[in-house]
Amino acid sequence: MWQGLFLCGSLTLASFALARLPALAVSGISPLVFALLMGLMVGNLPFARHLPDMQPGLKFATRYLLRGGIVLFGLSLTLHQVVALGPGVLLLDLVVVISVLLSGYYIGTQVLRLDRETALLTSVGSAICGAAAVLATETTIRSRPAAASMAVATVVLFGTLAMLVYPLLYQFSGMNEGLYGIYIGATVHEVAQVVAAGDAVGQEALANAVVVKLVRVMLLVPFLLIVGQWWLRRPAQEGAGPAAGKLVIPWFAFGFMVMVGFNSVVDLPSSLHQTLVIAGQVALAMAMAALGFETRLEKLKALGIRPFILGMILFAMLIVGGGLASQLLMG
């Protein structure tokens, strides 16, 4: 097992180092993305096929480290932050998440003719919280690595584009800074991308954007509970996944909620809290590295451009529909 874990650990260290380079740090791209890209690059090199058996370590990373990272991700949120902006924020996030998920899945499967895994993972990455949502869903439905990697790629592309577009649109939006921050939090893909876009607008926008985004992150838990059961009822020929009749309960999702509650009532020393948050990020990055290493470029090529078309459609929905919903519900 140690060979696979050593490989994932090495790629993770390199990804964190890359994310801290001044030229790349300003992009707001998460170390998770670098870990996935580096895993993808190394896994497709000719010599990778002759390496010792990596599967036990890779499987441990994509299952147990991933679940542990999602649990520790709960330390990034408190219930007090959720309550501060009022019930309208929860309603706004629900509207955005549900509309993007349903529209994305329908367009992906019925219009673009994508397989169900790719359509679902691409939609959840846009609707909830980017790469973390893709990974959590991937481990719940046990999808193919290529589908998860493609979904993360759409998050990277359109989330990065959002960091550039949203600050430029602010002066034409007619919204005040606080409301525009709510709009950013309700519609931008990744937490890091929300921070970058909100900070470019102003401090009030940043504060509101982060809270609204973290409420979206919390919606990952009920989504996983629902999708785990719904996935059992899909036609058997639709690909890999949990066996029919087996109850799928994403226990790590409950662990995430426990950590949110714990973080709300217990004031940990800042050094310990920061250590646990970083440990969660490292665990998620190692899972990303393993996922990338197991993904073959020929499988990504087979998916073609359609996942990116779906990502572009959802990006347009988030910008236009999310802006209208923000003004209607919070303006």
C-alpha atoms as a PDB file:
ATOM      1  CA  MET A   1       0.000   0.000   0.000  1.00  0.00           C
ATOM      2  CA  TRP A   2       2.830   2.375   0.851  1.00  0.00           C
ATOM      3  CA  GLN A   3       3.934   2.759  -2.794  1.00  0.00           C
ATOM      4  CA  GLY A   4       0.601   4.266  -3.848  1.00  0.00           C
ATOM      5  CA  LEU A   5       0.382   6.494  -0.778  1.00  0.00           C
ATOM      6  CA  PHE A   6       3.966   7.683  -1.284  1.00  0.00           C
ATOM      7  CA  LEU A   7       3.169   8.566  -4.882  1.00  0.00           C
ATOM      8  CA  CYS A   8       0.008  10.480  -3.859  1.00  0.00           C
ATOM      9  CA  GLY A   9       1.899  12.230  -1.060  1.00  0.00           C
ATOM     10  CA  SER A  10       4.705  13.304  -3.376  1.00  0.00           C
ATOM     11  CA  LEU A  11       2.273  14.672  -5.955  1.00  0.00           C
ATOM     12  CA  THR A  12       0.371  16.478  -3.197  1.00  0.00           C
ATOM     13  CA  LEU A  13       3.506  18.179  -1.872  1.00  0.00           C
ATOM     14  CA  ALA A  14       4.357  19.291  -5.399  1.00  0.00           C
ATOM     15  CA  SER A  15       0.812  20.598  -5.957  1.00  0.00           C
ATOM     16  CA  PHE A  16       0.885  22.717  -2.785  1.00  0.00           C
ATOM     17  CA  ALA A  17       4.285  24.073  -3.796  1.00  0.00           C
ATOM     18  CA  LEU A  18       2.947  25.004  -7.242  1.00  0.00           C
ATOM     19  CA  ALA A  19      -0.136  26.688  -5.763  1.00  0.00           C
ATOM     20  CA  ARG A  20       2.119  28.904  -3.626  1.00  0.00           C
ATOM     21  CA  LEU A  21       4.223  30.166  -6.518  1.00  0.00           C
ATOM     22  CA  PRO A  22       3.509  33.912  -6.901  1.00  0.00           C
ATOM     23  CA  ALA A  23       2.658  33.597 -10.576  1.00  0.00           C
ATOM     24  CA  LEU A  24       0.086  30.872  -9.870  1.00  0.00           C
ATOM     25  CA  ALA A  25      -1.182  32.004  -6.456  1.00  0.00           C
ATOM     26  CA  VAL A  26      -2.951  35.031  -7.959  1.00  0.00           C
ATOM     27  CA  SER A  27      -5.046  32.681 -10.127  1.00  0.00           C
ATOM     28  CA  GLY A  28      -6.852  31.295  -7.083  1.00  0.00           C
ATOM     29  CA  ILE A  29      -6.523  27.737  -8.443  1.00  0.00           C
ATOM     30  CA  SER A  30      -6.731  25.187  -5.639  1.00  0.00           C
ATOM     31  CA  PRO A  31      -3.893  22.731  -4.882  1.00  0.00           C
ATOM     32  CA  LEU A  32      -6.518  20.017  -5.467  1.00  0.00           C
ATOM     33  CA  VAL A  33      -6.587  20.935  -9.141  1.00  0.00           C
ATOM     34  CA  PHE A  34      -2.806  20.829  -9.426  1.00  0.00           C
ATOM     35  CA  ALA A  35      -2.810  17.425  -7.689  1.00  0.00           C
ATOM     36  CA  LEU A  36      -5.312  16.081 -10.223  1.00  0.00           C
ATOM     37  CA  LEU A  37      -3.350  17.467 -13.190  1.00  0.00           C
ATOM     38  CA  MET A  38      -0.045  16.121 -11.904  1.00  0.00           C
ATOM     39  CA  GLY A  39      -1.574  12.718 -11.214  1.00  0.00           C
ATOM     40  CA  LEU A  40      -3.029  12.708 -14.727  1.00  0.00           C
ATOM     41  CA  MET A  41       0.318  13.660 -16.241  1.00  0.00           C
ATOM     42  CA  VAL A  42       2.374  11.082 -14.315  1.00  0.00           C
ATOM     43  CA  GLY A  43      -0.201   8.316 -14.748  1.00  0.00           C
ATOM     44  CA  ASN A  44      -0.098   8.667 -18.530  1.00  0.00           C
ATOM     45  CA  LEU A  45       3.691   8.614 -18.874  1.00  0.00           C
ATOM     46  CA  PRO A  46       5.031   5.417 -20.510  1.00  0.00           C
ATOM     47  CA  PHE A  47       7.007   4.329 -17.434  1.00  0.00           C
ATOM     48  CA  ALA A  48       3.888   4.479 -15.217  1.00  0.00           C
ATOM     49  CA  ARG A  49       2.762   1.122 -16.579  1.00  0.00           C
ATOM     50  CA  HIS A  50       5.936  -0.489 -15.224  1.00  0.00           C
ATOM     51  CA  LEU A  51       5.743   0.903 -11.693  1.00  0.00           C
ATOM     52  CA  PRO A  52       5.089  -1.433  -8.725  1.00  0.00           C
ATOM     53  CA  ASP A  53       1.446  -2.188  -7.935  1.00  0.00           C
ATOM     54  CA  MET A  54      -0.065   1.109  -6.801  1.00  0.00           C
ATOM     55  CA  GLN A  55      -3.682  -0.006  -6.540  1.00  0.00           C
ATOM     56  CA  PRO A  56      -3.946  -0.636  -2.758  1.00  0.00           C
ATOM     57  CA  GLY A  57      -2.584   2.837  -1.931  1.00  0.00           C
ATOM     58  CA  LEU A  58      -4.595   4.539  -4.675  1.00  0.00           C
ATOM     59  CA  LYS A  59      -7.782   2.838  -3.524  1.00  0.00           C
ATOM     60  CA  PHE A  60      -7.102   3.876   0.079  1.00  0.00           C
ATOM     61  CA  ALA A  61      -6.645   7.486  -1.042  1.00  0.00           C
ATOM     62  CA  THR A  62      -9.772   7.654  -3.212  1.00  0.00           C
ATOM     63  CA  ARG A  63     -11.949   6.045  -0.553  1.00  0.00           C
ATOM     64  CA  TYR A  64     -10.740   6.710   2.969  1.00  0.00           C
ATOM     65  CA  LEU A  65      -8.595   9.830   2.576  1.00  0.00           C
ATOM     66  CA  LEU A  66     -11.323  11.375   0.435  1.00  0.00           C
ATOM     67  CA  ARG A  67     -13.984  10.722   3.065  1.00  0.00           C
ATOM     68  CA  GLY A  68     -11.714  12.016   5.830  1.00  0.00           C
ATOM     69  CA  GLY A  69     -10.986  15.171   3.855  1.00  0.00           C
ATOM     70  CA  ILE A  70     -14.697  15.868   3.341  1.00  0.00           C
ATOM     71  CA  VAL A  71     -15.311  15.430   7.092  1.00  0.00           C
ATOM     72  CA  LEU A  72     -12.540  17.867   8.010  1.00  0.00           C
ATOM     73  CA  PHE A  73     -13.883  20.283   5.393  1.00  0.00           C
ATOM     74  CA  GLY A  74     -16.716  20.861   7.870  1.00  0.00           C
ATOM     75  CA  LEU A  75     -14.324  22.872  10.041  1.00  0.00           C
ATOM     76  CA  SER A  76     -14.508  25.635   7.418  1.00  0.00           C
ATOM     77  CA  LEU A  77     -18.116  26.467   8.337  1.00  0.00           C
ATOM     78  CA  THR A  78     -20.168  27.385  11.414  1.00  0.00           C
ATOM     79  CA  LEU A  79     -23.917  27.498  11.898  1.00  0.00           C
ATOM     80  CA  HIS A  80     -23.570  31.124  13.060  1.00  0.00           C
ATOM     81  CA  GLN A  81     -22.353  32.114   9.608  1.00  0.00           C
ATOM     82  CA  VAL A  82     -25.385  30.483   8.047  1.00  0.00           C
ATOM     83  CA  VAL A  83     -27.887  32.237  10.315  1.00  0.00           C
ATOM     84  CA  ALA A  84     -26.300  35.680   9.918  1.00  0.00           C
ATOM     85  CA  LEU A  85     -27.676  36.423   6.443  1.00  0.00           C
ATOM     86  CA  GLY A  86     -31.179  35.119   7.127  1.00  0.00           C
ATOM     87  CA  PRO A  87     -33.425  32.453   5.549  1.00  0.00           C
ATOM     88  CA  GLY A  88     -33.410  34.128   2.131  1.00  0.00           C
ATOM     89  CA  VAL A  89     -29.848  32.929   1.572  1.00  0.00           C
ATOM     90  CA  LEU A  90     -30.842  29.298   2.064  1.00  0.00           C
ATOM     91  CA  LEU A  91     -33.758  29.725  -0.339  1.00  0.00           C
ATOM     92  CA  LEU A  92     -31.495  31.364  -2.941  1.00  0.00           C
ATOM     93  CA  ASP A  93     -28.920  28.591  -2.677  1.00  0.00           C
ATOM     94  CA  LEU A  94     -31.633  25.933  -2.933  1.00  0.00           C
ATOM     95  CA  VAL A  95     -33.048  27.537  -6.069  1.00  0.00           C
ATOM     96  CA  VAL A  96     -29.600  27.748  -7.688  1.00  0.00           C
ATOM     97  CA  VAL A  97     -28.494  24.248  -6.727  1.00  0.00           C
ATOM     98  CA  ILE A  98     -31.714  22.452  -7.660  1.00  0.00           C
ATOM     99  CA  SER A  99     -32.196  24.295 -10.964  1.00  0.00           C
ATOM    100  CA  VAL A 100     -28.587  23.730 -12.075  1.00  0.00           C
ATOM    101  CA  LEU A 101     -28.610  20.064 -11.056  1.00  0.00           C
ATOM    102  CA  LEU A 102     -31.892  19.221 -12.784  1.00  0.00           C
ATOM    103  CA  SER A 103     -31.173  21.290 -15.892  1.00  0.00           C
ATOM    104  CA  GLY A 104     -27.610  20.038 -16.188  1.00  0.00           C
ATOM    105  CA  TYR A 105     -28.559  16.386 -15.819  1.00  0.00           C
ATOM    106  CA  TYR A 106     -31.406  16.675 -18.343  1.00  0.00           C
ATOM    107  CA  ILE A 107     -29.386  18.629 -20.908  1.00  0.00           C
ATOM    108  CA  GLY A 108     -26.372  16.370 -20.434  1.00  0.00           C
ATOM    109  CA  THR A 109     -28.201  13.070 -20.843  1.00  0.00           C
ATOM    110  CA  GLN A 110     -31.062  13.954 -23.188  1.00  0.00           C
ATOM    111  CA  VAL A 111     -29.636  16.721 -25.407  1.00  0.00           C
ATOM    112  CA  LEU A 112     -25.871  16.171 -25.410  1.00  0.00           C
ATOM    113  CA  ARG A 113     -26.189  12.386 -24.974  1.00  0.00           C
ATOM    114  CA  LEU A 114     -23.550  12.163 -22.278  1.00  0.00           C
ATOM    115  CA  ASP A 115     -23.423   9.133 -20.012  1.00  0.00           C
ATOM    116  CA  ARG A 116     -25.235   9.612 -16.704  1.00  0.00           C
ATOM    117  CA  GLU A 117     -22.065   9.699 -14.587  1.00  0.00           C
ATOM    118  CA  THR A 118     -20.428  12.501 -16.566  1.00  0.00           C
ATOM    119  CA  ALA A 119     -23.652  14.530 -16.737  1.00  0.00           C
ATOM    120  CA  LEU A 120     -24.268  14.189 -12.998  1.00  0.00           C
ATOM    121  CA  LEU A 121     -20.708  14.959 -11.910  1.00  0.00           C
ATOM    122  CA  THR A 122     -20.398  17.952 -14.241  1.00  0.00           C
ATOM    123  CA  SER A 123     -23.706  19.322 -12.950  1.00  0.00           C
ATOM    124  CA  VAL A 124     -22.888  18.865  -9.273  1.00  0.00           C
ATOM    125  CA  GLY A 125     -19.501  20.506  -9.726  1.00  0.00           C
ATOM    126  CA  SER A 126     -21.211  23.611 -11.119  1.00  0.00           C
ATOM    127  CA  ALA A 127     -24.164  23.561  -8.726  1.00  0.00           C
ATOM    128  CA  ILE A 128     -22.586  23.016  -5.299  1.00  0.00           C
ATOM    129  CA  CYS A 129     -18.887  23.366  -4.579  1.00  0.00           C
ATOM    130  CA  GLY A 130     -16.689  22.424  -7.480  1.00  0.00           C
ATOM    131  CA  ALA A 131     -14.068  19.716  -7.186  1.00  0.00           C
ATOM    132  CA  ALA A 132     -14.988  18.770  -3.599  1.00  0.00           C
ATOM    133  CA  ALA A 133     -18.591  18.082  -4.678  1.00  0.00           C
ATOM    134  CA  VAL A 134     -17.392  16.065  -7.669  1.00  0.00           C
ATOM    135  CA  LEU A 135     -15.150  13.951  -5.442  1.00  0.00           C
ATOM    136  CA  ALA A 136     -17.837  13.412  -2.787  1.00  0.00           C
ATOM    137  CA  THR A 137     -20.376  12.388  -5.425  1.00  0.00           C
ATOM    138  CA  GLU A 138     -17.837  10.209  -7.209  1.00  0.00           C
ATOM    139  CA  THR A 139     -17.222   8.191  -4.066  1.00  0.00           C
ATOM    140  CA  THR A 140     -20.967   7.892  -3.394  1.00  0.00           C
ATOM    141  CA  ILE A 141     -21.885   6.559  -6.846  1.00  0.00           C
ATOM    142  CA  ARG A 142     -18.469   4.960  -7.505  1.00  0.00           C
ATOM    143  CA  SER A 143     -18.131   6.404 -10.967  1.00  0.00           C
ATOM    144  CA  ARG A 144     -15.341   5.939 -13.490  1.00  0.00           C
ATOM    145  CA  PRO A 145     -12.193   8.053 -12.884  1.00  0.00           C
ATOM    146  CA  ALA A 146     -12.456   9.562 -16.384  1.00  0.00           C
ATOM    147  CA  ALA A 147     -15.936  10.966 -15.663  1.00  0.00           C
ATOM    148  CA  ALA A 148     -14.774  12.602 -12.430  1.00  0.00           C
ATOM    149  CA  SER A 149     -11.644  14.019 -14.052  1.00  0.00           C
ATOM    150  CA  MET A 150     -13.640  15.540 -16.904  1.00  0.00           C
ATOM    151  CA  ALA A 151     -16.101  17.076 -14.437  1.00  0.00           C
ATOM    152  CA  VAL A 152     -13.251  18.642 -12.470  1.00  0.00           C
ATOM    153  CA  ALA A 153     -11.797  19.994 -15.717  1.00  0.00           C
ATOM    154  CA  THR A 154     -15.044  21.887 -16.453  1.00  0.00           C
ATOM    155  CA  VAL A 155     -15.016  23.320 -12.922  1.00  0.00           C
ATOM    156  CA  VAL A 156     -11.448  24.534 -13.394  1.00  0.00           C
ATOM    157  CA  LEU A 157     -12.146  26.124 -16.775  1.00  0.00           C
ATOM    158  CA  PHE A 158     -15.398  27.927 -16.009  1.00  0.00           C
ATOM    159  CA  GLY A 159     -14.591  28.656 -12.370  1.00  0.00           C
ATOM    160  CA  THR A 160     -11.378  30.365 -13.452  1.00  0.00           C
ATOM    161  CA  LEU A 161     -13.320  32.288 -16.082  1.00  0.00           C
ATOM    162  CA  ALA A 162     -15.791  33.354 -13.368  1.00  0.00           C
ATOM    163  CA  MET A 163     -12.984  34.939 -11.330  1.00  0.00           C
ATOM    164  CA  LEU A 164     -12.297  37.224 -14.293  1.00  0.00           C
ATOM    165  CA  VAL A 165     -15.855  37.853 -15.489  1.00  0.00           C
ATOM    166  CA  TYR A 166     -17.671  38.623 -12.218  1.00  0.00           C
ATOM    167  CA  PRO A 167     -15.545  41.620 -11.154  1.00  0.00           C
ATOM    168  CA  LEU A 168     -15.911  43.048 -14.676  1.00  0.00           C
ATOM    169  CA  LEU A 169     -19.706  42.645 -14.598  1.00  0.00           C
ATOM    170  CA  TYR A 170     -20.091  44.392 -11.230  1.00  0.00           C
ATOM    171  CA  GLN A 171     -20.233  47.932 -12.617  1.00  0.00           C
ATOM    172  CA  PHE A 172     -22.999  46.911 -15.070  1.00  0.00           C
ATOM    173  CA  SER A 173     -25.053  44.838 -12.623  1.00  0.00           C
ATOM    174  CA  GLY A 174     -26.960  47.602 -10.830  1.00  0.00           C
ATOM    175  CA  MET A 175     -26.426  45.743  -7.528  1.00  0.00           C
ATOM    176  CA  ASN A 176     -24.847  47.186  -4.409  1.00  0.00           C
ATOM    177  CA  GLU A 177     -21.646  45.593  -3.159  1.00  0.00           C
ATOM    178  CA  GLY A 178     -23.280  43.446  -0.477  1.00  0.00           C
ATOM    179  CA  LEU A 179     -25.890  42.018  -2.851  1.00  0.00           C
ATOM    180  CA  TYR A 180     -23.274  41.380  -5.516  1.00  0.00           C
ATOM    181  CA  GLY A 181     -21.283  39.389  -2.963  1.00  0.00           C
ATOM    182  CA  ILE A 182     -24.364  37.239  -2.313  1.00  0.00           C
ATOM    183  CA  TYR A 183     -24.663  36.718  -6.074  1.00  0.00           C
ATOM    184  CA  ILE A 184     -21.020  35.636  -6.285  1.00  0.00           C
ATOM    185  CA  GLY A 185     -21.396  33.169  -3.418  1.00  0.00           C
ATOM    186  CA  ALA A 186     -24.546  31.664  -4.903  1.00  0.00           C
ATOM    187  CA  THR A 187     -23.137  31.079  -8.385  1.00  0.00           C
ATOM    188  CA  VAL A 188     -19.323  30.724  -8.531  1.00  0.00           C
ATOM    189  CA  HIS A 189     -18.007  27.145  -8.510  1.00  0.00           C
ATOM    190  CA  GLU A 190     -15.159  26.741  -5.956  1.00  0.00           C
ATOM    191  CA  VAL A 191     -14.697  28.299  -2.520  1.00  0.00           C
ATOM    192  CA  ALA A 192     -11.270  29.624  -3.547  1.00  0.00           C
ATOM    193  CA  GLN A 193     -12.754  31.115  -6.712  1.00  0.00           C
ATOM    194  CA  VAL A 194     -15.503  32.792  -4.646  1.00  0.00           C
ATOM    195  CA  VAL A 195     -12.849  34.352  -2.413  1.00  0.00           C
ATOM    196  CA  ALA A 196     -10.895  35.640  -5.413  1.00  0.00           C
ATOM    197  CA  ALA A 197     -13.956  37.113  -7.159  1.00  0.00           C
ATOM    198  CA  GLY A 198     -15.407  38.622  -3.965  1.00  0.00           C
ATOM    199  CA  ASP A 199     -12.122  40.179  -2.941  1.00  0.00           C
ATOM    200  CA  ALA A 200     -11.813  41.826  -6.371  1.00  0.00           C
ATOM    201  CA  VAL A 201     -15.159  43.585  -5.789  1.00  0.00           C
ATOM    202  CA  GLY A 202     -14.712  44.662  -2.151  1.00  0.00           C
ATOM    203  CA  GLN A 203     -14.627  43.572   1.487  1.00  0.00           C
ATOM    204  CA  GLU A 204     -18.405  43.600   1.977  1.00  0.00           C
ATOM    205  CA  ALA A 205     -18.830  41.533  -1.175  1.00  0.00           C
ATOM    206  CA  LEU A 206     -16.153  39.121   0.014  1.00  0.00           C
ATOM    207  CA  ALA A 207     -17.746  38.613   3.452  1.00  0.00           C
ATOM    208  CA  ASN A 208     -21.206  37.921   2.014  1.00  0.00           C
ATOM    209  CA  ALA A 209     -19.868  35.769  -0.806  1.00  0.00           C
ATOM    210  CA  VAL A 210     -18.013  33.408   1.524  1.00  0.00           C
ATOM    211  CA  VAL A 211     -21.001  32.867   3.832  1.00  0.00           C
ATOM    212  CA  VAL A 212     -23.426  32.246   0.950  1.00  0.00           C
ATOM    213  CA  LYS A 213     -20.941  29.861  -0.647  1.00  0.00           C
ATOM    214  CA  LEU A 214     -20.524  27.897   2.562  1.00  0.00           C
ATOM    215  CA  VAL A 215     -24.295  27.501   2.816  1.00  0.00           C
ATOM    216  CA  ARG A 216     -24.127  25.963  -0.682  1.00  0.00           C
ATOM    217  CA  VAL A 217     -21.424  23.630   0.599  1.00  0.00           C
ATOM    218  CA  MET A 218     -23.788  22.429   3.341  1.00  0.00           C
ATOM    219  CA  LEU A 219     -26.337  21.432   0.692  1.00  0.00           C
ATOM    220  CA  LEU A 220     -23.867  18.761  -0.403  1.00  0.00           C
ATOM    221  CA  VAL A 221     -25.010  16.571   2.498  1.00  0.00           C
ATOM    222  CA  PRO A 222     -28.712  16.214   1.598  1.00  0.00           C
ATOM    223  CA  PHE A 223     -27.731  15.912  -2.061  1.00  0.00           C
ATOM    224  CA  LEU A 224     -25.475  12.929  -1.312  1.00  0.00           C
ATOM    225  CA  LEU A 225     -28.201  11.253   0.733  1.00  0.00           C
ATOM    226  CA  ILE A 226     -30.673  11.634  -2.133  1.00  0.00           C
ATOM    227  CA  VAL A 227     -28.349  10.744  -4.999  1.00  0.00           C
ATOM    228  CA  GLY A 228     -27.049   7.634  -3.222  1.00  0.00           C
ATOM    229  CA  GLN A 229     -30.539   6.143  -3.106  1.00  0.00           C
ATOM    230  CA  TRP A 230     -31.620   7.395  -6.529  1.00  0.00           C
ATOM    231  CA  TRP A 231     -28.517   5.909  -8.151  1.00  0.00           C
ATOM    232  CA  LEU A 232     -29.616   2.426  -7.042  1.00  0.00           C
ATOM    233  CA  ARG A 233     -32.713   2.674  -9.182  1.00  0.00           C
ATOM    234  CA  ARG A 234     -30.945   3.489 -12.464  1.00  0.00           C
ATOM    235  CA  PRO A 235     -30.942   0.872 -15.240  1.00  0.00           C
ATOM    236  CA  ALA A 236     -28.255  -1.750 -14.608  1.00  0.00           C
ATOM    237  CA  GLN A 237     -26.671  -1.206 -18.021  1.00  0.00           C
ATOM    238  CA  GLU A 238     -25.761   2.415 -17.210  1.00  0.00           C
ATOM    239  CA  GLY A 239     -22.332   1.550 -15.843  1.00  0.00           C
ATOM    240  CA  ALA A 240     -20.507   0.822 -12.619  1.00  0.00           C
ATOM    241  CA  GLY A 241     -21.817   1.669  -9.220  1.00  0.00           C
ATOM    242  CA  PRO A 242     -23.220   0.167  -6.036  1.00  0.00           C
ATOM    243  CA  ALA A 243     -25.024  -3.083  -6.499  1.00  0.00           C
ATOM    244  CA  ALA A 244     -28.801  -3.002  -6.759  1.00  0.00           C
ATOM    245  CA  GLY A 245     -30.556  -3.256  -3.435  1.00  0.00           C
ATOM    246  CA  LYS A 246     -27.544  -2.174  -1.396  1.00  0.00           C
ATOM    247  CA  LEU A 247     -28.332   0.782   0.846  1.00  0.00           C
ATOM    248  CA  VAL A 248     -25.940   3.637   0.104  1.00  0.00           C
ATOM    249  CA  ILE A 249     -25.394   5.870   3.130  1.00  0.00           C
ATOM    250  CA  PRO A 250     -22.565   8.403   2.766  1.00  0.00           C
ATOM    251  CA  TRP A 251     -21.509   8.360   6.422  1.00  0.00           C
ATOM    252  CA  PHE A 252     -18.782  10.879   5.731  1.00  0.00           C
ATOM    253  CA  ALA A 253     -21.549  13.400   4.963  1.00  0.00           C
ATOM    254  CA  PHE A 254     -22.845  13.026   8.503  1.00  0.00           C
ATOM    255  CA  GLY A 255     -19.272  13.432   9.718  1.00  0.00           C
ATOM    256  CA  PHE A 256     -19.116  16.696   7.779  1.00  0.00           C
ATOM    257  CA  MET A 257     -22.254  17.938   9.578  1.00  0.00           C
ATOM    258  CA  VAL A 258     -20.866  16.859  12.954  1.00  0.00           C
ATOM    259  CA  MET A 259     -17.744  18.892  12.263  1.00  0.00           C
ATOM    260  CA  VAL A 260     -19.841  21.931  11.328  1.00  0.00           C
ATOM    261  CA  GLY A 261     -21.706  21.619  14.627  1.00  0.00           C
ATOM    262  CA  PHE A 262     -18.475  21.062  16.550  1.00  0.00           C
ATOM    263  CA  ASN A 263     -16.868  24.087  14.931  1.00  0.00           C
ATOM    264  CA  SER A 264     -19.938  26.133  15.897  1.00  0.00           C
ATOM    265  CA  VAL A 265     -19.775  25.415  19.640  1.00  0.00           C
ATOM    266  CA  VAL A 266     -16.127  24.614  20.366  1.00  0.00           C
ATOM    267  CA  ASP A 267     -13.417  27.238  19.993  1.00  0.00           C
ATOM    268  CA  LEU A 268     -10.290  25.278  19.130  1.00  0.00           C
ATOM    269  CA  PRO A 269      -6.856  26.904  19.447  1.00  0.00           C
ATOM    270  CA  SER A 270      -6.160  28.605  16.132  1.00  0.00           C
ATOM    271  CA  SER A 271      -3.033  26.530  15.492  1.00  0.00           C
ATOM    272  CA  LEU A 272      -4.901  23.247  16.017  1.00  0.00           C
ATOM    273  CA  HIS A 273      -7.840  24.404  13.914  1.00  0.00           C
ATOM    274  CA  GLN A 274      -5.545  25.449  11.071  1.00  0.00           C
ATOM    275  CA  THR A 275      -3.670  22.137  11.283  1.00  0.00           C
ATOM    276  CA  LEU A 276      -6.910  20.158  10.962  1.00  0.00           C
ATOM    277  CA  VAL A 277      -8.090  22.284   8.028  1.00  0.00           C
ATOM    278  CA  ILE A 278      -4.761  21.777   6.239  1.00  0.00           C
ATOM    279  CA  ALA A 279      -4.908  18.023   7.016  1.00  0.00           C
ATOM    280  CA  GLY A 280      -8.305  17.916   5.290  1.00  0.00           C
ATOM    281  CA  GLN A 281      -6.930  19.748   2.272  1.00  0.00           C
ATOM    282  CA  VAL A 282      -3.969  17.357   2.084  1.00  0.00           C
ATOM    283  CA  ALA A 283      -6.278  14.331   2.272  1.00  0.00           C
ATOM    284  CA  LEU A 284      -8.455  15.706  -0.539  1.00  0.00           C
ATOM    285  CA  ALA A 285      -5.397  16.549  -2.644  1.00  0.00           C
ATOM    286  CA  MET A 286      -4.033  13.003  -2.232  1.00  0.00           C
ATOM    287  CA  ALA A 287      -7.402  11.649  -3.367  1.00  0.00           C
ATOM    288  CA  MET A 288      -7.260  13.971  -6.383  1.00  0.00           C
ATOM    289  CA  ALA A 289      -3.752  12.789  -7.233  1.00  0.00           C
ATOM    290  CA  ALA A 290      -4.899   9.161  -7.089  1.00  0.00           C
ATOM    291  CA  LEU A 291      -7.921   9.946  -9.238  1.00  0.00           C
ATOM    292  CA  GLY A 292      -5.746  11.660 -11.840  1.00  0.00           C
ATOM    293  CA  PHE A 293      -3.195   8.822 -11.845  1.00  0.00           C
ATOM    294  CA  GLU A 294      -5.939   6.286 -12.594  1.00  0.00           C
ATOM    295  CA  THR A 295      -7.398   8.348 -15.455  1.00  0.00           C
ATOM    296  CA  ARG A 296      -6.246   7.531 -18.965  1.00  0.00           C
ATOM    297  CA  LEU A 297      -6.190  10.264 -21.607  1.00  0.00           C
ATOM    298  CA  GLU A 298      -7.778   8.006 -24.190  1.00  0.00           C
ATOM    299  CA  LYS A 299     -10.859   7.732 -21.972  1.00  0.00           C
ATOM    300  CA  LEU A 300     -11.034  11.513 -21.616  1.00  0.00           C
ATOM    301  CA  LYS A 301     -10.668  11.866 -25.371  1.00  0.00           C
ATOM    302  CA  ALA A 302     -13.581   9.471 -25.863  1.00  0.00           C
ATOM    303  CA  LEU A 303     -15.848  11.838 -23.905  1.00  0.00           C
ATOM    304  CA  GLY A 304     -15.061  14.614 -26.404  1.00  0.00           C
ATOM    305  CA  ILE A 305     -16.101  18.234 -26.104  1.00  0.00           C
ATOM    306  CA  ARG A 306     -19.654  17.619 -24.904  1.00  0.00           C
ATOM    307  CA  PRO A 307     -18.881  17.878 -21.157  1.00  0.00           C
ATOM    308  CA  PHE A 308     -17.343  21.301 -21.794  1.00  0.00           C
ATOM    309  CA  ILE A 309     -20.437  22.351 -23.743  1.00  0.00           C
ATOM    310  CA  LEU A 310     -22.539  21.304 -20.738  1.00  0.00           C
ATOM    311  CA  GLY A 311     -20.227  23.223 -18.412  1.00  0.00           C
ATOM    312  CA  MET A 312     -20.544  26.312 -20.615  1.00  0.00           C
ATOM    313  CA  ILE A 313     -24.359  26.087 -20.603  1.00  0.00           C
ATOM    314  CA  LEU A 314     -24.412  25.777 -16.814  1.00  0.00           C
ATOM    315  CA  PHE A 315     -21.962  28.680 -16.501  1.00  0.00           C
ATOM    316  CA  ALA A 316     -24.341  30.858 -18.526  1.00  0.00           C
ATOM    317  CA  MET A 317     -27.251  29.710 -16.351  1.00  0.00           C
ATOM    318  CA  LEU A 318     -25.372  30.647 -13.198  1.00  0.00           C
ATOM    319  CA  ILE A 319     -24.459  34.111 -14.477  1.00  0.00           C
ATOM    320  CA  VAL A 320     -27.877  35.055 -15.884  1.00  0.00           C
ATOM    321  CA  GLY A 321     -30.324  33.001 -13.831  1.00  0.00           C
ATOM    322  CA  GLY A 322     -28.305  33.347 -10.628  1.00  0.00           C
ATOM    323  CA  GLY A 323     -28.200  37.119 -11.036  1.00  0.00           C
ATOM    324  CA  LEU A 324     -31.967  37.347 -11.523  1.00  0.00           C
ATOM    325  CA  ALA A 325     -32.632  35.041  -8.572  1.00  0.00           C
ATOM    326  CA  SER A 326     -30.265  37.021  -6.332  1.00  0.00           C
ATOM    327  CA  GLN A 327     -32.051  40.288  -7.074  1.00  0.00           C
ATOM    328  CA  LEU A 328     -35.528  38.751  -6.768  1.00  0.00           C
ATOM    329  CA  LEU A 329     -34.928  36.913  -3.488  1.00  0.00           C
ATOM    330  CA  MET A 330     -32.332  39.119  -1.761  1.00  0.00           C
ATOM    331  CA  GLY A 331     -32.597  42.529  -3.434  1.00  0.00           C
END
